[in-house]
């Protein structure tokens, strides 16, 4: 499937799962606790606030390609109709844009780039 044929919300939906799996895989492989501890650790990477922060820091470093930035805007600008209670609209939209990048990369079968993003985020 071509990511350009998907709307930003669809890319973000897929990207959310991609990111969650990358985080969980890392935590389990590193032996980072069990049960509740794994969930608590994963939230530090998958929450809207964390994802928005990751995007901001990587964006400031000009880490993303022009194509990835365009995908970010598509995801960020998608109309969701609702926002979770524990975050504000701006943060939620930023995290949605970040997830859209991951969803597009997944559809392009660009696992290497997803890994690069993960590796960079882990060092922040």
PDB file of N, CA and C in Angstrom:
ATOM      1  N   UNK A   1       0.844  -1.181   0.000  1.00  0.00           N
ATOM      2  CA  UNK A   1       0.000   0.000   0.000  1.00  0.00           C
ATOM      3  C   UNK A   1       0.889   1.243   0.000  1.00  0.00           C
ATOM      4  N   UNK A   2       0.502   2.199  -0.766  1.00  0.00           N
ATOM      5  CA  UNK A   2       1.236   3.452  -0.889  1.00  0.00           C
ATOM      6  C   UNK A   2       0.796   4.416   0.220  1.00  0.00           C
ATOM      7  N   UNK A   3       1.728   4.903   1.035  1.00  0.00           N
ATOM      8  CA  UNK A   3       1.364   5.823   2.112  1.00  0.00           C
ATOM      9  C   UNK A   3       0.683   7.095   1.618  1.00  0.00           C
ATOM     10  N   UNK A   4       0.962   7.499   0.392  1.00  0.00           N
ATOM     11  CA  UNK A   4       0.340   8.707  -0.152  1.00  0.00           C
ATOM     12  C   UNK A   4      -1.149   8.513  -0.400  1.00  0.00           C
ATOM     13  N   UNK A   5      -1.584   7.266  -0.459  1.00  0.00           N
ATOM     14  CA  UNK A   5      -2.997   6.971  -0.661  1.00  0.00           C
ATOM     15  C   UNK A   5      -3.770   6.917   0.652  1.00  0.00           C
ATOM     16  N   UNK A   6      -3.079   7.013   1.755  1.00  0.00           N
ATOM     17  CA  UNK A   6      -3.703   6.967   3.088  1.00  0.00           C
ATOM     18  C   UNK A   6      -3.807   8.373   3.653  1.00  0.00           C
ATOM     19  N   UNK A   7      -4.875   8.610   4.401  1.00  0.00           N
ATOM     20  CA  UNK A   7      -4.944   9.906   5.077  1.00  0.00           C
ATOM     21  C   UNK A   7      -4.051   9.884   6.308  1.00  0.00           C
ATOM     22  N   UNK A   8      -3.798  11.038   6.856  1.00  0.00           N
ATOM     23  CA  UNK A   8      -2.884  11.162   7.992  1.00  0.00           C
ATOM     24  C   UNK A   8      -3.329  10.377   9.210  1.00  0.00           C
ATOM     25  N   UNK A   9      -4.630  10.337   9.453  1.00  0.00           N
ATOM     26  CA  UNK A   9      -5.151   9.606  10.617  1.00  0.00           C
ATOM     27  C   UNK A   9      -4.905   8.111  10.479  1.00  0.00           C
ATOM     28  N   UNK A  10      -5.034   7.589   9.259  1.00  0.00           N
ATOM     29  CA  UNK A  10      -4.788   6.163   9.036  1.00  0.00           C
ATOM     30  C   UNK A  10      -3.318   5.848   9.258  1.00  0.00           C
ATOM     31  N   UNK A  11      -2.442   6.709   8.756  1.00  0.00           N
ATOM     32  CA  UNK A  11      -1.008   6.516   8.970  1.00  0.00           C
ATOM     33  C   UNK A  11      -0.678   6.557  10.459  1.00  0.00           C
ATOM     34  N   UNK A  12      -1.299   7.478  11.186  1.00  0.00           N
ATOM     35  CA  UNK A  12      -1.053   7.592  12.626  1.00  0.00           C
ATOM     36  C   UNK A  12      -1.569   6.359  13.364  1.00  0.00           C
ATOM     37  N   UNK A  13      -2.707   5.843  12.953  1.00  0.00           N
ATOM     38  CA  UNK A  13      -3.265   4.641  13.563  1.00  0.00           C
ATOM     39  C   UNK A  13      -2.275   3.486  13.440  1.00  0.00           C
ATOM     40  N   UNK A  14      -1.733   3.321  12.262  1.00  0.00           N
ATOM     41  CA  UNK A  14      -0.753   2.267  12.035  1.00  0.00           C
ATOM     42  C   UNK A  14       0.553   2.571  12.775  1.00  0.00           C
ATOM     43  N   UNK A  15       0.997   3.821  12.717  1.00  0.00           N
ATOM     44  CA  UNK A  15       2.239   4.226  13.371  1.00  0.00           C
ATOM     45  C   UNK A  15       2.205   4.038  14.872  1.00  0.00           C
ATOM     46  N   UNK A  16       1.039   4.218  15.476  1.00  0.00           N
ATOM     47  CA  UNK A  16       0.888   3.993  16.913  1.00  0.00           C
ATOM     48  C   UNK A  16       1.243   2.546  17.256  1.00  0.00           C
ATOM     49  N   UNK A  17       0.762   1.610  16.458  1.00  0.00           N
ATOM     50  CA  UNK A  17       1.056   0.194  16.692  1.00  0.00           C
ATOM     51  C   UNK A  17       2.526  -0.116  16.435  1.00  0.00           C
ATOM     52  N   UNK A  18       3.083   0.476  15.392  1.00  0.00           N
ATOM     53  CA  UNK A  18       4.497   0.262  15.057  1.00  0.00           C
ATOM     54  C   UNK A  18       5.382   0.734  16.201  1.00  0.00           C
ATOM     55  N   UNK A  19       5.110   1.923  16.705  1.00  0.00           N
ATOM     56  CA  UNK A  19       5.921   2.491  17.788  1.00  0.00           C
ATOM     57  C   UNK A  19       5.762   1.683  19.071  1.00  0.00           C
ATOM     58  N   UNK A  20       4.533   1.323  19.389  1.00  0.00           N
ATOM     59  CA  UNK A  20       4.285   0.538  20.591  1.00  0.00           C
ATOM     60  C   UNK A  20       5.025  -0.791  20.540  1.00  0.00           C
ATOM     61  N   UNK A  21       5.011  -1.443  19.396  1.00  0.00           N
ATOM     62  CA  UNK A  21       5.720  -2.716  19.262  1.00  0.00           C
ATOM     63  C   UNK A  21       7.233  -2.519  19.387  1.00  0.00           C
ATOM     64  N   UNK A  22       7.765  -1.471  18.788  1.00  0.00           N
ATOM     65  CA  UNK A  22       9.207  -1.205  18.888  1.00  0.00           C
ATOM     66  C   UNK A  22       9.609  -0.995  20.346  1.00  0.00           C
ATOM     67  N   UNK A  23       8.818  -0.225  21.063  1.00  0.00           N
ATOM     68  CA  UNK A  23       9.110   0.049  22.476  1.00  0.00           C
ATOM     69  C   UNK A  23       9.012  -1.229  23.300  1.00  0.00           C
ATOM     70  N   UNK A  24       7.936  -1.970  23.125  1.00  0.00           N
ATOM     71  CA  UNK A  24       7.740  -3.191  23.911  1.00  0.00           C
ATOM     72  C   UNK A  24       8.821  -4.226  23.611  1.00  0.00           C
ATOM     73  N   UNK A  25       9.166  -4.348  22.336  1.00  0.00           N
ATOM     74  CA  UNK A  25      10.220  -5.282  21.950  1.00  0.00           C
ATOM     75  C   UNK A  25      11.528  -4.921  22.656  1.00  0.00           C
ATOM     76  N   UNK A  26      11.874  -3.641  22.627  1.00  0.00           N
ATOM     77  CA  UNK A  26      13.093  -3.181  23.291  1.00  0.00           C
ATOM     78  C   UNK A  26      13.064  -3.487  24.790  1.00  0.00           C
ATOM     79  N   UNK A  27      11.983  -3.135  25.452  1.00  0.00           N
ATOM     80  CA  UNK A  27      11.896  -3.329  26.902  1.00  0.00           C
ATOM     81  C   UNK A  27      11.998  -4.798  27.286  1.00  0.00           C
ATOM     82  N   UNK A  28      11.327  -5.649  26.540  1.00  0.00           N
ATOM     83  CA  UNK A  28      11.373  -7.088  26.850  1.00  0.00           C
ATOM     84  C   UNK A  28      12.762  -7.645  26.587  1.00  0.00           C
ATOM     85  N   UNK A  29      13.347  -7.266  25.446  1.00  0.00           N
ATOM     86  CA  UNK A  29      14.680  -7.775  25.108  1.00  0.00           C
ATOM     87  C   UNK A  29      15.730  -7.306  26.112  1.00  0.00           C
ATOM     88  N   UNK A  30      15.534  -6.134  26.669  1.00  0.00           N
ATOM     89  CA  UNK A  30      16.479  -5.598  27.658  1.00  0.00           C
ATOM     90  C   UNK A  30      16.203  -6.115  29.063  1.00  0.00           C
ATOM     91  N   UNK A  31      15.133  -6.889  29.221  1.00  0.00           N
ATOM     92  CA  UNK A  31      14.796  -7.425  30.542  1.00  0.00           C
ATOM     93  C   UNK A  31      14.372  -6.352  31.521  1.00  0.00           C
ATOM     94  N   UNK A  32      13.664  -5.349  31.034  1.00  0.00           N
ATOM     95  CA  UNK A  32      13.309  -4.179  31.836  1.00  0.00           C
ATOM     96  C   UNK A  32      12.081  -4.392  32.722  1.00  0.00           C
ATOM     97  N   UNK A  33      12.121  -5.353  33.580  1.00  0.00           N
ATOM     98  CA  UNK A  33      11.034  -5.516  34.538  1.00  0.00           C
ATOM     99  C   UNK A  33       9.929  -6.424  34.046  1.00  0.00           C
ATOM    100  N   UNK A  34       8.876  -6.450  34.824  1.00  0.00           N
ATOM    101  CA  UNK A  34       7.747  -7.315  34.522  1.00  0.00           C
ATOM    102  C   UNK A  34       6.442  -6.564  34.769  1.00  0.00           C
ATOM    103  N   UNK A  35       5.373  -7.034  34.130  1.00  0.00           N
ATOM    104  CA  UNK A  35       4.023  -6.546  34.394  1.00  0.00           C
ATOM    105  C   UNK A  35       3.868  -5.047  34.436  1.00  0.00           C
ATOM    106  N   UNK A  36       3.495  -4.550  35.611  1.00  0.00           N
ATOM    107  CA  UNK A  36       3.232  -3.123  35.788  1.00  0.00           C
ATOM    108  C   UNK A  36       4.448  -2.265  35.447  1.00  0.00           C
ATOM    109  N   UNK A  37       5.642  -2.777  35.759  1.00  0.00           N
ATOM    110  CA  UNK A  37       6.857  -2.008  35.480  1.00  0.00           C
ATOM    111  C   UNK A  37       7.043  -1.842  33.970  1.00  0.00           C
ATOM    112  N   UNK A  38       6.786  -2.899  33.206  1.00  0.00           N
ATOM    113  CA  UNK A  38       6.895  -2.788  31.748  1.00  0.00           C
ATOM    114  C   UNK A  38       5.925  -1.735  31.218  1.00  0.00           C
ATOM    115  N   UNK A  39       4.704  -1.750  31.728  1.00  0.00           N
ATOM    116  CA  UNK A  39       3.706  -0.776  31.280  1.00  0.00           C
ATOM    117  C   UNK A  39       4.147   0.642  31.621  1.00  0.00           C
ATOM    118  N   UNK A  40       4.639   0.829  32.821  1.00  0.00           N
ATOM    119  CA  UNK A  40       5.090   2.154  33.258  1.00  0.00           C
ATOM    120  C   UNK A  40       6.248   2.647  32.391  1.00  0.00           C
ATOM    121  N   UNK A  41       7.203   1.771  32.109  1.00  0.00           N
ATOM    122  CA  UNK A  41       8.332   2.147  31.270  1.00  0.00           C
ATOM    123  C   UNK A  41       7.888   2.457  29.837  1.00  0.00           C
ATOM    124  N   UNK A  42       6.949   1.664  29.328  1.00  0.00           N
ATOM    125  CA  UNK A  42       6.517   1.888  27.948  1.00  0.00           C
ATOM    126  C   UNK A  42       5.814   3.234  27.793  1.00  0.00           C
ATOM    127  N   UNK A  43       5.097   3.662  28.805  1.00  0.00           N
ATOM    128  CA  UNK A  43       4.392   4.942  28.739  1.00  0.00           C
ATOM    129  C   UNK A  43       5.371   6.099  28.540  1.00  0.00           C
ATOM    130  N   UNK A  44       6.581   5.957  29.061  1.00  0.00           N
ATOM    131  CA  UNK A  44       7.560   7.030  28.897  1.00  0.00           C
ATOM    132  C   UNK A  44       7.980   7.200  27.441  1.00  0.00           C
ATOM    133  N   UNK A  45       7.632   6.258  26.594  1.00  0.00           N
ATOM    134  CA  UNK A  45       7.924   6.349  25.158  1.00  0.00           C
ATOM    135  C   UNK A  45       6.678   6.515  24.294  1.00  0.00           C
ATOM    136  N   UNK A  46       5.544   5.983  24.731  1.00  0.00           N
ATOM    137  CA  UNK A  46       4.372   5.946  23.857  1.00  0.00           C
ATOM    138  C   UNK A  46       3.305   6.983  24.190  1.00  0.00           C
ATOM    139  N   UNK A  47       3.443   7.703  25.264  1.00  0.00           N
ATOM    140  CA  UNK A  47       2.434   8.714  25.592  1.00  0.00           C
ATOM    141  C   UNK A  47       2.492   9.853  24.577  1.00  0.00           C
ATOM    142  N   UNK A  48       1.385  10.544  24.433  1.00  0.00           N
ATOM    143  CA  UNK A  48       1.329  11.682  23.503  1.00  0.00           C
ATOM    144  C   UNK A  48       2.381  12.728  23.876  1.00  0.00           C
ATOM    145  N   UNK A  49       2.548  12.978  25.150  1.00  0.00           N
ATOM    146  CA  UNK A  49       3.534  13.966  25.593  1.00  0.00           C
ATOM    147  C   UNK A  49       4.945  13.553  25.202  1.00  0.00           C
ATOM    148  N   UNK A  50       5.259  12.278  25.382  1.00  0.00           N
ATOM    149  CA  UNK A  50       6.590  11.791  25.018  1.00  0.00           C
ATOM    150  C   UNK A  50       6.811  11.876  23.513  1.00  0.00           C
ATOM    151  N   UNK A  51       5.839  11.429  22.751  1.00  0.00           N
ATOM    152  CA  UNK A  51       5.977  11.449  21.297  1.00  0.00           C
ATOM    153  C   UNK A  51       6.102  12.873  20.769  1.00  0.00           C
ATOM    154  N   UNK A  52       5.344  13.790  21.328  1.00  0.00           N
ATOM    155  CA  UNK A  52       5.452  15.193  20.908  1.00  0.00           C
ATOM    156  C   UNK A  52       6.843  15.737  21.235  1.00  0.00           C
ATOM    157  N   UNK A  53       7.360  15.377  22.386  1.00  0.00           N
ATOM    158  CA  UNK A  53       8.708  15.816  22.767  1.00  0.00           C
ATOM    159  C   UNK A  53       9.752  15.215  21.827  1.00  0.00           C
ATOM    160  N   UNK A  54       9.622  13.925  21.507  1.00  0.00           N
ATOM    161  CA  UNK A  54      10.562  13.288  20.586  1.00  0.00           C
ATOM    162  C   UNK A  54      10.542  13.989  19.239  1.00  0.00           C
ATOM    163  N   UNK A  55       9.332  14.260  18.740  1.00  0.00           N
ATOM    164  CA  UNK A  55       9.247  14.934  17.445  1.00  0.00           C
ATOM    165  C   UNK A  55       9.937  16.294  17.516  1.00  0.00           C
ATOM    166  N   UNK A  56       9.634  17.074  18.532  1.00  0.00           N
ATOM    167  CA  UNK A  56      10.207  18.423  18.651  1.00  0.00           C
ATOM    168  C   UNK A  56      11.730  18.393  18.667  1.00  0.00           C
ATOM    169  N   UNK A  57      12.292  17.505  19.473  1.00  0.00           N
ATOM    170  CA  UNK A  57      13.748  17.422  19.578  1.00  0.00           C
ATOM    171  C   UNK A  57      14.385  16.981  18.263  1.00  0.00           C
ATOM    172  N   UNK A  58      13.796  15.987  17.613  1.00  0.00           N
ATOM    173  CA  UNK A  58      14.345  15.518  16.339  1.00  0.00           C
ATOM    174  C   UNK A  58      14.157  16.567  15.234  1.00  0.00           C
ATOM    175  N   UNK A  59      13.039  17.246  15.267  1.00  0.00           N
ATOM    176  CA  UNK A  59      12.775  18.310  14.286  1.00  0.00           C
ATOM    177  C   UNK A  59      13.802  19.436  14.429  1.00  0.00           C
ATOM    178  N   UNK A  60      14.103  19.815  15.659  1.00  0.00           N
ATOM    179  CA  UNK A  60      15.100  20.868  15.906  1.00  0.00           C
ATOM    180  C   UNK A  60      16.469  20.494  15.360  1.00  0.00           C
ATOM    181  N   UNK A  61      16.761  19.192  15.327  1.00  0.00           N
ATOM    182  CA  UNK A  61      18.041  18.704  14.800  1.00  0.00           C
ATOM    183  C   UNK A  61      17.996  18.481  13.288  1.00  0.00           C
ATOM    184  N   UNK A  62      16.869  18.805  12.662  1.00  0.00           N
ATOM    185  CA  UNK A  62      16.659  18.537  11.227  1.00  0.00           C
ATOM    186  C   UNK A  62      16.885  17.059  10.901  1.00  0.00           C
ATOM    187  N   UNK A  63      16.423  16.204  11.783  1.00  0.00           N
ATOM    188  CA  UNK A  63      16.597  14.763  11.652  1.00  0.00           C
ATOM    189  C   UNK A  63      15.710  14.181  10.555  1.00  0.00           C
ATOM    190  N   UNK A  64      14.508  14.713  10.407  1.00  0.00           N
ATOM    191  CA  UNK A  64      13.549  14.157   9.469  1.00  0.00           C
ATOM    192  C   UNK A  64      13.770  14.679   8.052  1.00  0.00           C
ATOM    193  N   UNK A  65      13.463  13.828   7.083  1.00  0.00           N
ATOM    194  CA  UNK A  65      13.544  14.222   5.677  1.00  0.00           C
ATOM    195  C   UNK A  65      12.369  15.141   5.351  1.00  0.00           C
ATOM    196  N   UNK A  66      12.432  15.803   4.199  1.00  0.00           N
ATOM    197  CA  UNK A  66      11.314  16.649   3.769  1.00  0.00           C
ATOM    198  C   UNK A  66      10.043  15.828   3.617  1.00  0.00           C
ATOM    199  N   UNK A  67      10.180  14.616   3.086  1.00  0.00           N
ATOM    200  CA  UNK A  67       9.021  13.734   2.912  1.00  0.00           C
ATOM    201  C   UNK A  67       8.415  13.362   4.269  1.00  0.00           C
ATOM    202  N   UNK A  68       9.266  13.064   5.235  1.00  0.00           N
ATOM    203  CA  UNK A  68       8.781  12.727   6.572  1.00  0.00           C
ATOM    204  C   UNK A  68       8.094  13.925   7.228  1.00  0.00           C
ATOM    205  N   UNK A  69       8.631  15.115   7.016  1.00  0.00           N
ATOM    206  CA  UNK A  69       7.998  16.325   7.561  1.00  0.00           C
ATOM    207  C   UNK A  69       6.622  16.551   6.921  1.00  0.00           C
ATOM    208  N   UNK A  70       6.506  16.268   5.635  1.00  0.00           N
ATOM    209  CA  UNK A  70       5.213  16.403   4.950  1.00  0.00           C
ATOM    210  C   UNK A  70       4.212  15.392   5.521  1.00  0.00           C
ATOM    211  N   UNK A  71       4.683  14.191   5.784  1.00  0.00           N
ATOM    212  CA  UNK A  71       3.821  13.173   6.383  1.00  0.00           C
ATOM    213  C   UNK A  71       3.411  13.593   7.787  1.00  0.00           C
ATOM    214  N   UNK A  72       4.347  14.159   8.539  1.00  0.00           N
ATOM    215  CA  UNK A  72       4.042  14.673   9.876  1.00  0.00           C
ATOM    216  C   UNK A  72       2.888  15.677   9.807  1.00  0.00           C
ATOM    217  N   UNK A  73       2.973  16.611   8.872  1.00  0.00           N
ATOM    218  CA  UNK A  73       1.928  17.635   8.740  1.00  0.00           C
ATOM    219  C   UNK A  73       0.583  17.010   8.399  1.00  0.00           C
ATOM    220  N   UNK A  74       0.598  15.993   7.540  1.00  0.00           N
ATOM    221  CA  UNK A  74      -0.656  15.308   7.197  1.00  0.00           C
ATOM    222  C   UNK A  74      -1.278  14.664   8.435  1.00  0.00           C
ATOM    223  N   UNK A  75      -0.446  14.023   9.247  1.00  0.00           N
ATOM    224  CA  UNK A  75      -0.956  13.392  10.466  1.00  0.00           C
ATOM    225  C   UNK A  75      -1.389  14.403  11.505  1.00  0.00           C
ATOM    226  N   UNK A  76      -0.596  15.419  11.673  1.00  0.00           N
ATOM    227  CA  UNK A  76      -0.885  16.457  12.675  1.00  0.00           C
ATOM    228  C   UNK A  76      -2.168  17.194  12.351  1.00  0.00           C
ATOM    229  N   UNK A  77      -2.410  17.446  11.085  1.00  0.00           N
ATOM    230  CA  UNK A  77      -3.559  18.247  10.672  1.00  0.00           C
ATOM    231  C   UNK A  77      -4.831  17.444  10.488  1.00  0.00           C
ATOM    232  N   UNK A  78      -4.740  16.118  10.628  1.00  0.00           N
ATOM    233  CA  UNK A  78      -5.936  15.294  10.481  1.00  0.00           C
ATOM    234  C   UNK A  78      -6.941  15.614  11.574  1.00  0.00           C
ATOM    235  N   UNK A  79      -8.195  15.665  11.216  1.00  0.00           N
ATOM    236  CA  UNK A  79      -9.251  15.993  12.175  1.00  0.00           C
ATOM    237  C   UNK A  79      -9.652  14.737  12.934  1.00  0.00           C
ATOM    238  N   UNK A  80      -9.369  14.693  14.220  1.00  0.00           N
ATOM    239  CA  UNK A  80      -9.674  13.522  15.026  1.00  0.00           C
ATOM    240  C   UNK A  80     -11.052  13.601  15.661  1.00  0.00           C
ATOM    241  N   UNK A  81     -11.544  14.794  15.886  1.00  0.00           N
ATOM    242  CA  UNK A  81     -12.836  14.946  16.529  1.00  0.00           C
ATOM    243  C   UNK A  81     -12.771  14.836  18.045  1.00  0.00           C
ATOM    244  N   UNK A  82     -11.722  14.256  18.587  1.00  0.00           N
ATOM    245  CA  UNK A  82     -11.602  14.138  20.044  1.00  0.00           C
ATOM    246  C   UNK A  82     -10.135  14.130  20.443  1.00  0.00           C
ATOM    247  N   UNK A  83      -9.910  14.481  21.688  1.00  0.00           N
ATOM    248  CA  UNK A  83      -8.564  14.513  22.243  1.00  0.00           C
ATOM    249  C   UNK A  83      -8.623  13.832  23.608  1.00  0.00           C
ATOM    250  N   UNK A  84      -7.637  12.987  23.928  1.00  0.00           N
ATOM    251  CA  UNK A  84      -7.647  12.351  25.255  1.00  0.00           C
ATOM    252  C   UNK A  84      -7.665  13.391  26.372  1.00  0.00           C
ATOM    253  N   UNK A  85      -8.225  13.015  27.491  1.00  0.00           N
ATOM    254  CA  UNK A  85      -8.357  13.936  28.628  1.00  0.00           C
ATOM    255  C   UNK A  85      -7.026  14.351  29.232  1.00  0.00           C
ATOM    256  N   UNK A  86      -5.991  13.528  29.085  1.00  0.00           N
ATOM    257  CA  UNK A  86      -4.739  13.803  29.790  1.00  0.00           C
ATOM    258  C   UNK A  86      -3.731  14.607  28.977  1.00  0.00           C
ATOM    259  N   UNK A  87      -4.151  15.203  27.863  1.00  0.00           N
ATOM    260  CA  UNK A  87      -3.225  16.009  27.062  1.00  0.00           C
ATOM    261  C   UNK A  87      -3.978  17.127  26.350  1.00  0.00           C
ATOM    262  N   UNK A  88      -3.244  18.120  25.892  1.00  0.00           N
ATOM    263  CA  UNK A  88      -3.864  19.232  25.184  1.00  0.00           C
ATOM    264  C   UNK A  88      -3.862  18.956  23.672  1.00  0.00           C
ATOM    265  N   UNK A  89      -4.609  19.755  22.942  1.00  0.00           N
ATOM    266  CA  UNK A  89      -4.785  19.550  21.502  1.00  0.00           C
ATOM    267  C   UNK A  89      -3.454  19.634  20.750  1.00  0.00           C
ATOM    268  N   UNK A  90      -2.622  20.599  21.052  1.00  0.00           N
ATOM    269  CA  UNK A  90      -1.357  20.777  20.344  1.00  0.00           C
ATOM    270  C   UNK A  90      -0.452  19.557  20.539  1.00  0.00           C
ATOM    271  N   UNK A  91      -0.321  19.119  21.771  1.00  0.00           N
ATOM    272  CA  UNK A  91       0.513  17.952  22.066  1.00  0.00           C
ATOM    273  C   UNK A  91      -0.029  16.713  21.360  1.00  0.00           C
ATOM    274  N   UNK A  92      -1.338  16.530  21.416  1.00  0.00           N
ATOM    275  CA  UNK A  92      -1.956  15.365  20.785  1.00  0.00           C
ATOM    276  C   UNK A  92      -1.725  15.378  19.274  1.00  0.00           C
ATOM    277  N   UNK A  93      -1.872  16.515  18.658  1.00  0.00           N
ATOM    278  CA  UNK A  93      -1.665  16.591  17.204  1.00  0.00           C
ATOM    279  C   UNK A  93      -0.198  16.379  16.831  1.00  0.00           C
ATOM    280  N   UNK A  94       0.702  16.866  17.652  1.00  0.00           N
ATOM    281  CA  UNK A  94       2.125  16.621  17.390  1.00  0.00           C
ATOM    282  C   UNK A  94       2.428  15.127  17.467  1.00  0.00           C
ATOM    283  N   UNK A  95       1.887  14.464  18.475  1.00  0.00           N
ATOM    284  CA  UNK A  95       2.132  13.028  18.611  1.00  0.00           C
ATOM    285  C   UNK A  95       1.496  12.261  17.454  1.00  0.00           C
ATOM    286  N   UNK A  96       0.354  12.715  16.991  1.00  0.00           N
ATOM    287  CA  UNK A  96      -0.302  12.077  15.853  1.00  0.00           C
ATOM    288  C   UNK A  96       0.546  12.227  14.596  1.00  0.00           C
ATOM    289  N   UNK A  97       1.158  13.376  14.415  1.00  0.00           N
ATOM    290  CA  UNK A  97       2.061  13.575  13.286  1.00  0.00           C
ATOM    291  C   UNK A  97       3.268  12.664  13.355  1.00  0.00           C
ATOM    292  N   UNK A  98       3.824  12.517  14.547  1.00  0.00           N
ATOM    293  CA  UNK A  98       4.962  11.614  14.757  1.00  0.00           C
ATOM    294  C   UNK A  98       4.567  10.182  14.400  1.00  0.00           C
ATOM    295  N   UNK A  99       3.399   9.759  14.854  1.00  0.00           N
ATOM    296  CA  UNK A  99       2.920   8.420  14.549  1.00  0.00           C
ATOM    297  C   UNK A  99       2.687   8.236  13.048  1.00  0.00           C
ATOM    298  N   UNK A 100       2.230   9.287  12.379  1.00  0.00           N
ATOM    299  CA  UNK A 100       1.999   9.202  10.932  1.00  0.00           C
ATOM    300  C   UNK A 100       3.307   8.915  10.192  1.00  0.00           C
ATOM    301  N   UNK A 101       4.383   9.542  10.631  1.00  0.00           N
ATOM    302  CA  UNK A 101       5.697   9.265  10.028  1.00  0.00           C
ATOM    303  C   UNK A 101       6.007   7.778  10.139  1.00  0.00           C
ATOM    304  N   UNK A 102       5.817   7.221  11.323  1.00  0.00           N
ATOM    305  CA  UNK A 102       6.113   5.806  11.552  1.00  0.00           C
ATOM    306  C   UNK A 102       5.218   4.899  10.721  1.00  0.00           C
ATOM    307  N   UNK A 103       3.949   5.271  10.600  1.00  0.00           N
ATOM    308  CA  UNK A 103       3.027   4.478   9.794  1.00  0.00           C
ATOM    309  C   UNK A 103       3.425   4.473   8.328  1.00  0.00           C
ATOM    310  N   UNK A 104       3.838   5.621   7.814  1.00  0.00           N
ATOM    311  CA  UNK A 104       4.274   5.707   6.418  1.00  0.00           C
ATOM    312  C   UNK A 104       5.534   4.881   6.196  1.00  0.00           C
ATOM    313  N   UNK A 105       6.464   4.969   7.113  1.00  0.00           N
ATOM    314  CA  UNK A 105       7.695   4.187   6.995  1.00  0.00           C
ATOM    315  C   UNK A 105       7.400   2.696   7.011  1.00  0.00           C
ATOM    316  N   UNK A 106       6.454   2.289   7.838  1.00  0.00           N
ATOM    317  CA  UNK A 106       6.075   0.892   7.895  1.00  0.00           C
ATOM    318  C   UNK A 106       5.489   0.439   6.552  1.00  0.00           C
ATOM    319  N   UNK A 107       4.612   1.242   5.985  1.00  0.00           N
ATOM    320  CA  UNK A 107       4.004   0.887   4.699  1.00  0.00           C
ATOM    321  C   UNK A 107       5.046   0.836   3.580  1.00  0.00           C
ATOM    322  N   UNK A 108       6.088   1.630   3.710  1.00  0.00           N
ATOM    323  CA  UNK A 108       7.181   1.615   2.732  1.00  0.00           C
ATOM    324  C   UNK A 108       8.157   0.478   3.013  1.00  0.00           C
ATOM    325  N   UNK A 109       7.884  -0.285   4.069  1.00  0.00           N
ATOM    326  CA  UNK A 109       8.765  -1.372   4.510  1.00  0.00           C
ATOM    327  C   UNK A 109      10.169  -0.858   4.819  1.00  0.00           C
ATOM    328  N   UNK A 110      10.230   0.326   5.405  1.00  0.00           N
ATOM    329  CA  UNK A 110      11.496   0.961   5.728  1.00  0.00           C
ATOM    330  C   UNK A 110      11.820   0.746   7.212  1.00  0.00           C
ATOM    331  N   UNK A 111      12.059  -0.498   7.551  1.00  0.00           N
ATOM    332  CA  UNK A 111      12.368  -0.855   8.939  1.00  0.00           C
ATOM    333  C   UNK A 111      13.660  -0.204   9.421  1.00  0.00           C
ATOM    334  N   UNK A 112      14.592  -0.005   8.513  1.00  0.00           N
ATOM    335  CA  UNK A 112      15.869   0.614   8.878  1.00  0.00           C
ATOM    336  C   UNK A 112      15.655   2.039   9.398  1.00  0.00           C
ATOM    337  N   UNK A 113      14.796   2.791   8.738  1.00  0.00           N
ATOM    338  CA  UNK A 113      14.550   4.170   9.168  1.00  0.00           C
ATOM    339  C   UNK A 113      13.792   4.190  10.496  1.00  0.00           C
ATOM    340  N   UNK A 114      12.852   3.264  10.667  1.00  0.00           N
ATOM    341  CA  UNK A 114      12.148   3.170  11.951  1.00  0.00           C
ATOM    342  C   UNK A 114      13.170   2.890  13.052  1.00  0.00           C
ATOM    343  N   UNK A 115      14.102   2.010  12.781  1.00  0.00           N
ATOM    344  CA  UNK A 115      15.157   1.678  13.752  1.00  0.00           C
ATOM    345  C   UNK A 115      16.027   2.906  14.042  1.00  0.00           C
ATOM    346  N   UNK A 116      16.338   3.695  13.007  1.00  0.00           N
ATOM    347  CA  UNK A 116      17.134   4.908  13.211  1.00  0.00           C
ATOM    348  C   UNK A 116      16.408   5.881  14.134  1.00  0.00           C
ATOM    349  N   UNK A 117      15.106   6.038  13.925  1.00  0.00           N
ATOM    350  CA  UNK A 117      14.321   6.928  14.785  1.00  0.00           C
ATOM    351  C   UNK A 117      14.335   6.399  16.218  1.00  0.00           C
ATOM    352  N   UNK A 118      14.106   5.113  16.376  1.00  0.00           N
ATOM    353  CA  UNK A 118      14.120   4.506  17.709  1.00  0.00           C
ATOM    354  C   UNK A 118      15.471   4.696  18.381  1.00  0.00           C
ATOM    355  N   UNK A 119      16.537   4.412  17.653  1.00  0.00           N
ATOM    356  CA  UNK A 119      17.880   4.543  18.227  1.00  0.00           C
ATOM    357  C   UNK A 119      18.163   5.981  18.641  1.00  0.00           C
ATOM    358  N   UNK A 120      17.715   6.928  17.851  1.00  0.00           N
ATOM    359  CA  UNK A 120      17.918   8.344  18.168  1.00  0.00           C
ATOM    360  C   UNK A 120      17.113   8.738  19.410  1.00  0.00           C
ATOM    361  N   UNK A 121      15.867   8.313  19.473  1.00  0.00           N
ATOM    362  CA  UNK A 121      15.016   8.636  20.617  1.00  0.00           C
ATOM    363  C   UNK A 121      15.580   8.061  21.904  1.00  0.00           C
ATOM    364  N   UNK A 122      16.131   6.878  21.844  1.00  0.00           N
ATOM    365  CA  UNK A 122      16.692   6.245  23.045  1.00  0.00           C
ATOM    366  C   UNK A 122      17.852   7.044  23.618  1.00  0.00           C
ATOM    367  N   UNK A 123      18.520   7.849  22.802  1.00  0.00           N
ATOM    368  CA  UNK A 123      19.658   8.630  23.284  1.00  0.00           C
ATOM    369  C   UNK A 123      19.272  10.019  23.781  1.00  0.00           C
ATOM    370  N   UNK A 124      17.991  10.358  23.652  1.00  0.00           N
ATOM    371  CA  UNK A 124      17.552  11.703  24.069  1.00  0.00           C
ATOM    372  C   UNK A 124      17.391  11.787  25.573  1.00  0.00           C
TER     373      UNK A 124
END
